[in-house]
Amino acid sequence: MIKAIFYRESDGTYKGFSISGHAMFRKYGKDIVCSAVSVLAINTVNSIDCLTDNIFEVEEDQDGLLKFKFTSEPDKKGQLLIESLALGITDIKEEYGDKYLIVKFKDKSETL
């Protein structure tokens, strides 16, 4: 199962996200849920890097972990891109269910 956590301030400002795990919807190489989440997440990070001046840190590994954290105050473009990611992943969860994907929104004070 994939677990996506979005970290926000009390005013709704996104500070980062963490995505981990594998959907196990189908066998490796045919898992459309895992592929969709991966494409959205990687495209979001690349878009923030190329289309904004936001400063951030990224951590990833081969086991399906991707952590993203703004290290400075994010601008409107960065916020919009993270919000778009959250929308896309939430839509995938609604389509395929909790068996494959969990989406949570947490206060930034919780560990990122």
Protein backbone atom coordinates (compact mmCIF):
# COMPACT_ATOMS: atom_id res chain seq x y z
CA MET A 1 0.00 0.00 0.00
CA ILE A 2 1.13 3.56 -0.75
CA LYS A 3 0.93 6.09 2.06
CA ALA A 4 0.92 9.76 1.05
CA ILE A 5 1.16 12.37 3.81
CA PHE A 6 0.89 16.09 3.15
CA TYR A 7 2.19 18.44 5.83
CA ARG A 8 0.51 21.83 6.25
CA GLU A 9 0.61 24.81 8.54
CA SER A 10 -2.55 25.70 10.47
CA ASP A 11 -3.39 28.24 7.74
CA GLY A 12 -3.33 25.48 5.08
CA THR A 13 0.10 26.35 3.66
CA TYR A 14 1.82 23.21 2.42
CA LYS A 15 5.28 22.58 3.86
CA GLY A 16 6.02 19.25 2.24
CA PHE A 17 4.94 15.69 1.64
CA SER A 18 6.05 12.11 2.09
CA ILE A 19 5.08 9.21 -0.14
CA SER A 20 6.12 5.66 0.68
CA GLY A 21 5.34 2.10 -0.21
CA HIS A 22 3.97 0.28 -3.23
CA ALA A 23 0.32 -0.11 -4.21
CA MET A 24 0.53 -3.83 -5.10
CA PHE A 25 -2.42 -3.29 -7.45
CA ARG A 26 -0.76 -5.53 -10.05
CA LYS A 27 2.63 -7.20 -10.38
CA TYR A 28 5.77 -5.09 -10.74
CA GLY A 29 5.86 -3.25 -14.06
CA LYS A 30 2.08 -3.40 -14.51
CA ASP A 31 0.97 -1.51 -11.40
CA ILE A 32 -0.93 1.49 -12.76
CA VAL A 33 -1.69 2.89 -9.29
CA CYS A 34 1.99 2.94 -8.34
CA SER A 35 2.92 4.39 -11.73
CA ALA A 36 0.32 7.15 -11.52
CA VAL A 37 1.39 8.23 -8.04
CA SER A 38 5.07 8.12 -9.04
CA VAL A 39 4.52 10.22 -12.16
CA LEU A 40 2.53 12.84 -10.26
CA ALA A 41 5.08 13.05 -7.44
CA ILE A 42 8.18 13.20 -9.65
CA ASN A 43 6.55 15.71 -11.98
CA THR A 44 5.64 17.90 -9.01
CA VAL A 45 9.21 17.93 -7.68
CA ASN A 46 10.61 18.62 -11.15
CA SER A 47 8.06 21.37 -11.77
CA ILE A 48 8.85 23.09 -8.48
CA ASP A 49 12.54 22.86 -9.35
CA CYS A 50 12.19 24.21 -12.90
CA LEU A 51 9.25 26.59 -12.64
CA THR A 52 9.73 28.26 -9.24
CA ASP A 53 12.45 29.80 -7.10
CA ASN A 54 11.48 27.71 -4.07
CA ILE A 55 14.22 26.12 -2.01
CA PHE A 56 13.59 22.54 -0.92
CA GLU A 57 15.10 19.21 0.07
CA VAL A 58 14.27 15.83 -1.45
CA GLU A 59 15.00 12.36 -0.13
CA GLU A 60 14.25 9.21 -2.08
CA ASP A 61 15.19 5.55 -2.14
CA GLN A 62 14.57 2.42 -4.18
CA ASP A 63 11.96 1.13 -1.73
CA GLY A 64 9.35 3.66 -2.82
CA LEU A 65 10.11 6.54 -0.45
CA LEU A 66 9.95 10.16 -1.58
CA LYS A 67 10.15 13.00 0.95
CA PHE A 68 9.88 16.62 -0.10
CA LYS A 69 10.26 19.61 2.23
CA PHE A 70 10.33 23.32 1.53
CA THR A 71 13.35 24.80 3.34
CA SER A 72 12.23 28.38 2.78
CA GLU A 73 8.82 30.02 2.64
CA PRO A 74 7.13 28.61 -0.48
CA ASP A 75 5.63 30.95 -3.04
CA LYS A 76 2.20 30.72 -4.68
CA LYS A 77 3.48 28.59 -7.57
CA GLY A 78 5.03 26.06 -5.20
CA GLN A 79 1.83 25.94 -3.18
CA LEU A 80 -0.28 25.42 -6.28
CA LEU A 81 1.93 22.59 -7.49
CA ILE A 82 1.75 20.75 -4.14
CA GLU A 83 -2.00 21.35 -4.00
CA SER A 84 -2.29 19.88 -7.50
CA LEU A 85 -0.32 16.81 -6.38
CA ALA A 86 -2.60 16.36 -3.37
CA LEU A 87 -5.66 16.64 -5.63
CA GLY A 88 -4.30 14.10 -8.13
CA ILE A 89 -3.30 11.57 -5.49
CA THR A 90 -6.61 11.99 -3.67
CA ASP A 91 -8.45 11.36 -6.95
CA ILE A 92 -6.45 8.16 -7.49
CA LYS A 93 -7.33 7.04 -3.96
CA GLU A 94 -11.02 7.72 -4.62
CA GLU A 95 -10.87 5.69 -7.84
CA TYR A 96 -8.94 2.67 -6.51
CA GLY A 97 -9.63 2.73 -2.76
CA ASP A 98 -7.92 2.47 0.60
CA LYS A 99 -6.61 -0.99 -0.17
CA TYR A 100 -3.93 0.53 -2.41
CA LEU A 101 -3.50 4.13 -1.31
CA ILE A 102 -3.93 6.14 1.89
CA VAL A 103 -3.82 9.94 1.85
CA LYS A 104 -3.42 11.97 5.05
CA PHE A 105 -3.04 15.64 5.84
CA LYS A 106 -1.05 16.46 8.97
CA ASP A 107 -0.05 19.51 10.89
CA LYS A 108 3.54 20.54 10.08
CA SER A 109 4.51 20.14 13.72
CA GLU A 110 4.26 16.39 13.17
CA THR A 111 7.51 14.93 11.84
CA LEU A 112 8.28 15.59 8.20
